[in-house]
Amino acid sequence: MKRDGQALVEYILIIALISVIAIALVNYFGGYLKDAITKTSCSLVGEEYVKGDKPGEAKCEEVKKE
């Protein structure tokens, strides 16, 4: 009996499942991750962090001097 192909198919299915889960997580949390990176970069360049209406829409604005 040849069962070598069965193990290969099982590994491919596991890798495909992990890939689908990873893509779903990035799509779900992607906006939050983008906002976190934007917030950090705003403080590095000395600008003010402005939160967006939806996750992933935040931006940096120049600090207004009065």
PDB file of N, CA and C in Angstrom:
ATOM      1  N   MET A   1       0.828  -1.182   0.000  1.00  0.00           N
ATOM      2  CA  MET A   1       0.000   0.000   0.000  1.00  0.00           C
ATOM      3  C   MET A   1       0.875   1.248   0.000  1.00  0.00           C
ATOM      4  N   LYS A   2       0.438   2.216  -0.749  1.00  0.00           N
ATOM      5  CA  LYS A   2       1.160   3.479  -0.788  1.00  0.00           C
ATOM      6  C   LYS A   2       0.367   4.522  -0.010  1.00  0.00           C
ATOM      7  N   ARG A   3       0.975   5.051   1.048  1.00  0.00           N
ATOM      8  CA  ARG A   3       0.328   6.079   1.857  1.00  0.00           C
ATOM      9  C   ARG A   3       1.147   7.362   1.880  1.00  0.00           C
ATOM     10  N   ASP A   4       2.170   7.432   1.054  1.00  0.00           N
ATOM     11  CA  ASP A   4       3.001   8.634   1.030  1.00  0.00           C
ATOM     12  C   ASP A   4       2.194   9.847   0.594  1.00  0.00           C
ATOM     13  N   GLY A   5       1.332   9.695  -0.353  1.00  0.00           N
ATOM     14  CA  GLY A   5       0.526  10.798  -0.849  1.00  0.00           C
ATOM     15  C   GLY A   5      -0.469  11.300   0.175  1.00  0.00           C
ATOM     16  N   GLN A   6      -0.949  10.410   1.028  1.00  0.00           N
ATOM     17  CA  GLN A   6      -1.921  10.811   2.039  1.00  0.00           C
ATOM     18  C   GLN A   6      -1.311  11.799   3.019  1.00  0.00           C
ATOM     19  N   ALA A   7      -0.093  11.572   3.466  1.00  0.00           N
ATOM     20  CA  ALA A   7       0.572  12.474   4.403  1.00  0.00           C
ATOM     21  C   ALA A   7       0.801  13.838   3.758  1.00  0.00           C
ATOM     22  N   LEU A   8       1.191  13.834   2.495  1.00  0.00           N
ATOM     23  CA  LEU A   8       1.422  15.094   1.783  1.00  0.00           C
ATOM     24  C   LEU A   8       0.138  15.908   1.686  1.00  0.00           C
ATOM     25  N   VAL A   9      -0.962  15.270   1.378  1.00  0.00           N
ATOM     26  CA  VAL A   9      -2.248  15.954   1.277  1.00  0.00           C
ATOM     27  C   VAL A   9      -2.652  16.521   2.639  1.00  0.00           C
ATOM     28  N   GLU A  10      -2.413  15.767   3.702  1.00  0.00           N
ATOM     29  CA  GLU A  10      -2.748  16.256   5.037  1.00  0.00           C
ATOM     30  C   GLU A  10      -1.931  17.496   5.381  1.00  0.00           C
ATOM     31  N   TYR A  11      -0.637  17.498   5.067  1.00  0.00           N
ATOM     32  CA  TYR A  11       0.195  18.672   5.321  1.00  0.00           C
ATOM     33  C   TYR A  11      -0.276  19.877   4.511  1.00  0.00           C
ATOM     34  N   ILE A  12      -0.644  19.658   3.280  1.00  0.00           N
ATOM     35  CA  ILE A  12      -1.133  20.746   2.436  1.00  0.00           C
ATOM     36  C   ILE A  12      -2.427  21.320   2.998  1.00  0.00           C
ATOM     37  N   LEU A  13      -3.320  20.464   3.474  1.00  0.00           N
ATOM     38  CA  LEU A  13      -4.571  20.943   4.065  1.00  0.00           C
ATOM     39  C   LEU A  13      -4.319  21.750   5.338  1.00  0.00           C
ATOM     40  N   ILE A  14      -3.379  21.314   6.156  1.00  0.00           N
ATOM     41  CA  ILE A  14      -3.052  22.048   7.378  1.00  0.00           C
ATOM     42  C   ILE A  14      -2.473  23.416   7.038  1.00  0.00           C
ATOM     43  N   ILE A  15      -1.559  23.461   6.073  1.00  0.00           N
ATOM     44  CA  ILE A  15      -0.960  24.738   5.658  1.00  0.00           C
ATOM     45  C   ILE A  15      -2.021  25.660   5.077  1.00  0.00           C
ATOM     46  N   ALA A  16      -2.943  25.123   4.288  1.00  0.00           N
ATOM     47  CA  ALA A  16      -4.013  25.936   3.711  1.00  0.00           C
ATOM     48  C   ALA A  16      -4.915  26.504   4.811  1.00  0.00           C
ATOM     49  N   LEU A  17      -5.242  25.705   5.800  1.00  0.00           N
ATOM     50  CA  LEU A  17      -6.083  26.166   6.905  1.00  0.00           C
ATOM     51  C   LEU A  17      -5.400  27.274   7.697  1.00  0.00           C
ATOM     52  N   ILE A  18      -4.123  27.106   7.997  1.00  0.00           N
ATOM     53  CA  ILE A  18      -3.369  28.128   8.717  1.00  0.00           C
ATOM     54  C   ILE A  18      -3.294  29.413   7.897  1.00  0.00           C
ATOM     55  N   SER A  19      -3.121  29.294   6.598  1.00  0.00           N
ATOM     56  CA  SER A  19      -3.059  30.472   5.727  1.00  0.00           C
ATOM     57  C   SER A  19      -4.383  31.228   5.721  1.00  0.00           C
ATOM     58  N   VAL A  20      -5.469  30.519   5.636  1.00  0.00           N
ATOM     59  CA  VAL A  20      -6.791  31.157   5.637  1.00  0.00           C
ATOM     60  C   VAL A  20      -7.031  31.872   6.965  1.00  0.00           C
ATOM     61  N   ILE A  21      -6.662  31.257   8.058  1.00  0.00           N
ATOM     62  CA  ILE A  21      -6.829  31.883   9.372  1.00  0.00           C
ATOM     63  C   ILE A  21      -5.961  33.132   9.478  1.00  0.00           C
ATOM     64  N   ALA A  22      -4.721  33.064   9.011  1.00  0.00           N
ATOM     65  CA  ALA A  22      -3.825  34.217   9.069  1.00  0.00           C
ATOM     66  C   ALA A  22      -4.361  35.377   8.233  1.00  0.00           C
ATOM     67  N   ILE A  23      -4.862  35.097   7.054  1.00  0.00           N
ATOM     68  CA  ILE A  23      -5.416  36.146   6.196  1.00  0.00           C
ATOM     69  C   ILE A  23      -6.646  36.771   6.841  1.00  0.00           C
ATOM     70  N   ALA A  24      -7.487  35.964   7.439  1.00  0.00           N
ATOM     71  CA  ALA A  24      -8.683  36.484   8.108  1.00  0.00           C
ATOM     72  C   ALA A  24      -8.303  37.386   9.285  1.00  0.00           C
ATOM     73  N   LEU A  25      -7.304  36.992  10.057  1.00  0.00           N
ATOM     74  CA  LEU A  25      -6.871  37.812  11.190  1.00  0.00           C
ATOM     75  C   LEU A  25      -6.293  39.146  10.736  1.00  0.00           C
ATOM     76  N   VAL A  26      -5.509  39.124   9.674  1.00  0.00           N
ATOM     77  CA  VAL A  26      -4.936  40.371   9.164  1.00  0.00           C
ATOM     78  C   VAL A  26      -6.044  41.281   8.642  1.00  0.00           C
ATOM     79  N   ASN A  27      -7.019  40.723   7.962  1.00  0.00           N
ATOM     80  CA  ASN A  27      -8.137  41.540   7.479  1.00  0.00           C
ATOM     81  C   ASN A  27      -8.945  42.128   8.634  1.00  0.00           C
ATOM     82  N   TYR A  28      -9.130  41.367   9.684  1.00  0.00           N
ATOM     83  CA  TYR A  28      -9.937  41.826  10.816  1.00  0.00           C
ATOM     84  C   TYR A  28      -9.192  42.864  11.654  1.00  0.00           C
ATOM     85  N   PHE A  29      -7.925  42.586  11.971  1.00  0.00           N
ATOM     86  CA  PHE A  29      -7.147  43.460  12.842  1.00  0.00           C
ATOM     87  C   PHE A  29      -6.257  44.441  12.088  1.00  0.00           C
ATOM     88  N   GLY A  30      -6.277  44.430  10.779  1.00  0.00           N
ATOM     89  CA  GLY A  30      -5.385  45.267   9.981  1.00  0.00           C
ATOM     90  C   GLY A  30      -5.534  46.744  10.257  1.00  0.00           C
ATOM     91  N   GLY A  31      -6.763  47.226  10.387  1.00  0.00           N
ATOM     92  CA  GLY A  31      -6.987  48.643  10.668  1.00  0.00           C
ATOM     93  C   GLY A  31      -6.431  49.053  12.015  1.00  0.00           C
ATOM     94  N   TYR A  32      -6.595  48.194  13.010  1.00  0.00           N
ATOM     95  CA  TYR A  32      -6.079  48.493  14.337  1.00  0.00           C
ATOM     96  C   TYR A  32      -4.553  48.515  14.334  1.00  0.00           C
ATOM     97  N   LEU A  33      -3.946  47.592  13.588  1.00  0.00           N
ATOM     98  CA  LEU A  33      -2.491  47.570  13.489  1.00  0.00           C
ATOM     99  C   LEU A  33      -1.984  48.821  12.773  1.00  0.00           C
ATOM    100  N   LYS A  34      -2.676  49.225  11.727  1.00  0.00           N
ATOM    101  CA  LYS A  34      -2.279  50.428  10.995  1.00  0.00           C
ATOM    102  C   LYS A  34      -2.377  51.653  11.898  1.00  0.00           C
ATOM    103  N   ASP A  35      -3.435  51.742  12.702  1.00  0.00           N
ATOM    104  CA  ASP A  35      -3.580  52.867  13.630  1.00  0.00           C
ATOM    105  C   ASP A  35      -2.463  52.880  14.674  1.00  0.00           C
ATOM    106  N   ALA A  36      -2.090  51.715  15.171  1.00  0.00           N
ATOM    107  CA  ALA A  36      -1.014  51.646  16.159  1.00  0.00           C
ATOM    108  C   ALA A  36       0.306  52.117  15.567  1.00  0.00           C
ATOM    109  N   ILE A  37       0.580  51.729  14.342  1.00  0.00           N
ATOM    110  CA  ILE A  37       1.807  52.155  13.675  1.00  0.00           C
ATOM    111  C   ILE A  37       1.762  53.654  13.403  1.00  0.00           C
ATOM    112  N   THR A  38       0.613  54.160  12.980  1.00  0.00           N
ATOM    113  CA  THR A  38       0.459  55.595  12.725  1.00  0.00           C
ATOM    114  C   THR A  38       0.664  56.395  14.005  1.00  0.00           C
ATOM    115  N   LYS A  39       0.103  55.930  15.107  1.00  0.00           N
ATOM    116  CA  LYS A  39       0.235  56.629  16.386  1.00  0.00           C
ATOM    117  C   LYS A  39       1.698  56.722  16.803  1.00  0.00           C
ATOM    118  N   THR A  40       2.421  55.634  16.630  1.00  0.00           N
ATOM    119  CA  THR A  40       3.839  55.624  16.973  1.00  0.00           C
ATOM    120  C   THR A  40       4.635  56.554  16.072  1.00  0.00           C
ATOM    121  N   SER A  41       4.337  56.519  14.777  1.00  0.00           N
ATOM    122  CA  SER A  41       5.097  57.359  13.849  1.00  0.00           C
ATOM    123  C   SER A  41       4.793  58.836  14.058  1.00  0.00           C
ATOM    124  N   CYS A  42       3.579  59.163  14.467  1.00  0.00           N
ATOM    125  CA  CYS A  42       3.239  60.566  14.746  1.00  0.00           C
ATOM    126  C   CYS A  42       4.118  61.111  15.870  1.00  0.00           C
ATOM    127  N   SER A  43       4.285  60.339  16.918  1.00  0.00           N
ATOM    128  CA  SER A  43       5.103  60.811  18.033  1.00  0.00           C
ATOM    129  C   SER A  43       6.570  60.916  17.639  1.00  0.00           C
ATOM    130  N   LEU A  44       7.022  60.088  16.716  1.00  0.00           N
ATOM    131  CA  LEU A  44       8.420  60.141  16.285  1.00  0.00           C
ATOM    132  C   LEU A  44       8.716  61.388  15.466  1.00  0.00           C
ATOM    133  N   VAL A  45       7.765  61.847  14.677  1.00  0.00           N
ATOM    134  CA  VAL A  45       7.997  63.017  13.824  1.00  0.00           C
ATOM    135  C   VAL A  45       7.480  64.301  14.453  1.00  0.00           C
ATOM    136  N   GLY A  46       6.960  64.223  15.680  1.00  0.00           N
ATOM    137  CA  GLY A  46       6.512  65.412  16.391  1.00  0.00           C
ATOM    138  C   GLY A  46       5.180  65.956  15.919  1.00  0.00           C
ATOM    139  N   GLU A  47       4.345  65.111  15.394  1.00  0.00           N
ATOM    140  CA  GLU A  47       3.024  65.545  14.953  1.00  0.00           C
ATOM    141  C   GLU A  47       1.956  64.979  15.882  1.00  0.00           C
ATOM    142  N   GLU A  48       0.750  65.482  15.722  1.00  0.00           N
ATOM    143  CA  GLU A  48      -0.361  65.081  16.581  1.00  0.00           C
ATOM    144  C   GLU A  48      -1.143  63.943  15.926  1.00  0.00           C
ATOM    145  N   TYR A  49      -1.462  62.946  16.710  1.00  0.00           N
ATOM    146  CA  TYR A  49      -2.250  61.792  16.232  1.00  0.00           C
ATOM    147  C   TYR A  49      -3.723  62.169  16.239  1.00  0.00           C
ATOM    148  N   VAL A  50      -4.393  61.952  15.112  1.00  0.00           N
ATOM    149  CA  VAL A  50      -5.821  62.225  14.993  1.00  0.00           C
ATOM    150  C   VAL A  50      -6.519  60.922  14.639  1.00  0.00           C
ATOM    151  N   LYS A  51      -7.408  60.486  15.529  1.00  0.00           N
ATOM    152  CA  LYS A  51      -8.121  59.228  15.331  1.00  0.00           C
ATOM    153  C   LYS A  51      -9.150  59.375  14.210  1.00  0.00           C
ATOM    154  N   GLY A  52      -9.271  58.349  13.374  1.00  0.00           N
ATOM    155  CA  GLY A  52     -10.234  58.368  12.285  1.00  0.00           C
ATOM    156  C   GLY A  52     -11.592  57.836  12.712  1.00  0.00           C
ATOM    157  N   ASP A  53     -12.552  57.910  11.802  1.00  0.00           N
ATOM    158  CA  ASP A  53     -13.895  57.411  12.092  1.00  0.00           C
ATOM    159  C   ASP A  53     -13.925  55.890  12.188  1.00  0.00           C
ATOM    160  N   LYS A  54     -13.127  55.241  11.354  1.00  0.00           N
ATOM    161  CA  LYS A  54     -13.065  53.782  11.324  1.00  0.00           C
ATOM    162  C   LYS A  54     -11.634  53.345  11.611  1.00  0.00           C
ATOM    163  N   PRO A  55     -11.447  52.095  12.031  1.00  0.00           N
ATOM    164  CA  PRO A  55     -10.083  51.601  12.215  1.00  0.00           C
ATOM    165  C   PRO A  55      -9.302  51.672  10.898  1.00  0.00           C
ATOM    166  N   GLY A  56      -8.092  52.186  10.984  1.00  0.00           N
ATOM    167  CA  GLY A  56      -7.238  52.298   9.810  1.00  0.00           C
ATOM    168  C   GLY A  56      -7.296  53.656   9.143  1.00  0.00           C
ATOM    169  N   GLU A  57      -8.118  54.576   9.653  1.00  0.00           N
ATOM    170  CA  GLU A  57      -8.259  55.896   9.040  1.00  0.00           C
ATOM    171  C   GLU A  57      -7.576  57.006   9.842  1.00  0.00           C
ATOM    172  N   ALA A  58      -6.793  56.659  10.841  1.00  0.00           N
ATOM    173  CA  ALA A  58      -6.105  57.667  11.644  1.00  0.00           C
ATOM    174  C   ALA A  58      -5.029  58.337  10.802  1.00  0.00           C
ATOM    175  N   LYS A  59      -4.622  59.538  11.247  1.00  0.00           N
ATOM    176  CA  LYS A  59      -3.590  60.264  10.508  1.00  0.00           C
ATOM    177  C   LYS A  59      -2.814  61.165  11.446  1.00  0.00           C
ATOM    178  N   CYS A  60      -1.713  61.689  10.952  1.00  0.00           N
ATOM    179  CA  CYS A  60      -0.892  62.642  11.691  1.00  0.00           C
ATOM    180  C   CYS A  60      -1.152  64.026  11.130  1.00  0.00           C
ATOM    181  N   GLU A  61      -1.208  65.004  12.034  1.00  0.00           N
ATOM    182  CA  GLU A  61      -1.351  66.390  11.620  1.00  0.00           C
ATOM    183  C   GLU A  61      -0.312  67.216  12.338  1.00  0.00           C
ATOM    184  N   GLU A  62       0.104  68.288  11.687  1.00  0.00           N
ATOM    185  CA  GLU A  62       1.088  69.178  12.308  1.00  0.00           C
ATOM    186  C   GLU A  62       0.488  69.802  13.559  1.00  0.00           C
ATOM    187  N   VAL A  63       1.338  69.974  14.561  1.00  0.00           N
ATOM    188  CA  VAL A  63       0.895  70.597  15.803  1.00  0.00           C
ATOM    189  C   VAL A  63       0.738  72.091  15.541  1.00  0.00           C
ATOM    190  N   LYS A  64      -0.415  72.624  15.873  1.00  0.00           N
ATOM    191  CA  LYS A  64      -0.700  74.044  15.640  1.00  0.00           C
ATOM    192  C   LYS A  64      -0.087  74.866  16.759  1.00  0.00           C
ATOM    193  N   LYS A  65       0.757  75.816  16.368  1.00  0.00           N
ATOM    194  CA  LYS A  65       1.399  76.704  17.352  1.00  0.00           C
ATOM    195  C   LYS A  65       0.593  77.988  17.436  1.00  0.00           C
ATOM    196  N   GLU A  66       0.272  78.345  18.655  1.00  0.00           N
ATOM    197  CA  GLU A  66      -0.552  79.556  18.848  1.00  0.00           C
ATOM    198  C   GLU A  66       0.266  80.678  19.385  1.00  0.00           C
TER     199      GLU A  66
END
